[in-house]
């Protein structure tokens, strides 16, 4: 029974991280399509989203105390 609960938790974490990552990537690409916004205007956004995605994966999968 405990393994089933652990499996559900892992599946839920994977789905949540995948949906959040997909949302952030789509948000960044939507900003890129604007003609008035240049690459260097979006560079801080890309950097912050990259950091957020890495931290999210670290928190979900690596940081197990």
C-alpha atoms as a PDB file:
ATOM      1  CA  UNK A   1       0.000   0.000   0.000  1.00  0.00           C
ATOM      2  CA  UNK A   2       2.847   2.364   0.828  1.00  0.00           C
ATOM      3  CA  UNK A   3       4.470   1.814  -2.585  1.00  0.00           C
ATOM      4  CA  UNK A   4       1.221   2.765  -4.315  1.00  0.00           C
ATOM      5  CA  UNK A   5       1.105   6.050  -2.377  1.00  0.00           C
ATOM      6  CA  UNK A   6       4.761   6.767  -3.211  1.00  0.00           C
ATOM      7  CA  UNK A   7       4.074   6.010  -6.881  1.00  0.00           C
ATOM      8  CA  UNK A   8       1.082   8.391  -6.875  1.00  0.00           C
ATOM      9  CA  UNK A   9       3.243  11.101  -5.313  1.00  0.00           C
ATOM     10  CA  UNK A  10       5.940  10.673  -7.966  1.00  0.00           C
ATOM     11  CA  UNK A  11       3.411  10.744 -10.807  1.00  0.00           C
ATOM     12  CA  UNK A  12       1.777  13.859  -9.338  1.00  0.00           C
ATOM     13  CA  UNK A  13       5.147  15.579  -8.979  1.00  0.00           C
ATOM     14  CA  UNK A  14       6.136  14.707 -12.558  1.00  0.00           C
ATOM     15  CA  UNK A  15       2.819  15.982 -13.960  1.00  0.00           C
ATOM     16  CA  UNK A  16       3.005  19.187 -11.917  1.00  0.00           C
ATOM     17  CA  UNK A  17       6.596  19.948 -12.859  1.00  0.00           C
ATOM     18  CA  UNK A  18       5.904  19.193 -16.533  1.00  0.00           C
ATOM     19  CA  UNK A  19       2.837  21.465 -16.632  1.00  0.00           C
ATOM     20  CA  UNK A  20       4.626  24.313 -14.884  1.00  0.00           C
ATOM     21  CA  UNK A  21       7.669  23.997 -17.153  1.00  0.00           C
ATOM     22  CA  UNK A  22       5.428  23.929 -20.225  1.00  0.00           C
ATOM     23  CA  UNK A  23       3.609  27.048 -19.010  1.00  0.00           C
ATOM     24  CA  UNK A  24       6.849  28.975 -18.426  1.00  0.00           C
ATOM     25  CA  UNK A  25       8.290  28.013 -21.816  1.00  0.00           C
ATOM     26  CA  UNK A  26       5.082  28.961 -23.638  1.00  0.00           C
ATOM     27  CA  UNK A  27       4.978  32.265 -21.749  1.00  0.00           C
ATOM     28  CA  UNK A  28       8.551  33.071 -22.797  1.00  0.00           C
ATOM     29  CA  UNK A  29       7.934  32.170 -26.442  1.00  0.00           C
ATOM     30  CA  UNK A  30       4.763  34.266 -26.498  1.00  0.00           C
ATOM     31  CA  UNK A  31       6.792  37.291 -25.413  1.00  0.00           C
ATOM     32  CA  UNK A  32       9.313  36.635 -28.182  1.00  0.00           C
ATOM     33  CA  UNK A  33       6.703  36.922 -30.919  1.00  0.00           C
ATOM     34  CA  UNK A  34       6.143  40.620 -30.272  1.00  0.00           C
ATOM     35  CA  UNK A  35       7.843  42.900 -32.806  1.00  0.00           C
ATOM     36  CA  UNK A  36       8.443  45.643 -30.251  1.00  0.00           C
ATOM     37  CA  UNK A  37      10.331  43.477 -27.773  1.00  0.00           C
ATOM     38  CA  UNK A  38      13.925  42.603 -28.659  1.00  0.00           C
ATOM     39  CA  UNK A  39      16.113  39.720 -27.541  1.00  0.00           C
ATOM     40  CA  UNK A  40      18.034  41.778 -25.006  1.00  0.00           C
ATOM     41  CA  UNK A  41      14.778  42.978 -23.466  1.00  0.00           C
ATOM     42  CA  UNK A  42      13.811  39.362 -22.844  1.00  0.00           C
ATOM     43  CA  UNK A  43      17.216  38.147 -21.680  1.00  0.00           C
ATOM     44  CA  UNK A  44      16.432  38.731 -17.960  1.00  0.00           C
ATOM     45  CA  UNK A  45      13.138  36.872 -18.421  1.00  0.00           C
ATOM     46  CA  UNK A  46      14.938  33.898 -19.974  1.00  0.00           C
ATOM     47  CA  UNK A  47      17.529  33.888 -17.200  1.00  0.00           C
ATOM     48  CA  UNK A  48      14.905  34.016 -14.433  1.00  0.00           C
ATOM     49  CA  UNK A  49      12.755  31.331 -16.060  1.00  0.00           C
ATOM     50  CA  UNK A  50      15.794  29.104 -16.456  1.00  0.00           C
ATOM     51  CA  UNK A  51      16.653  29.556 -12.791  1.00  0.00           C
ATOM     52  CA  UNK A  52      13.045  28.864 -11.759  1.00  0.00           C
ATOM     53  CA  UNK A  53      12.863  25.677 -13.850  1.00  0.00           C
ATOM     54  CA  UNK A  54      16.187  24.393 -12.485  1.00  0.00           C
ATOM     55  CA  UNK A  55      15.126  25.168  -8.901  1.00  0.00           C
ATOM     56  CA  UNK A  56      11.784  23.460  -9.459  1.00  0.00           C
ATOM     57  CA  UNK A  57      13.434  20.279 -10.752  1.00  0.00           C
ATOM     58  CA  UNK A  58      15.978  20.374  -7.917  1.00  0.00           C
ATOM     59  CA  UNK A  59      13.267  20.769  -5.276  1.00  0.00           C
ATOM     60  CA  UNK A  60      11.077  18.053  -6.796  1.00  0.00           C
ATOM     61  CA  UNK A  61      13.630  15.347  -7.540  1.00  0.00           C
ATOM     62  CA  UNK A  62      17.038  15.938  -5.952  1.00  0.00           C
ATOM     63  CA  UNK A  63      16.443  17.576  -2.557  1.00  0.00           C
ATOM     64  CA  UNK A  64      15.321  14.579  -0.494  1.00  0.00           C
ATOM     65  CA  UNK A  65      16.292  14.894   3.163  1.00  0.00           C
END
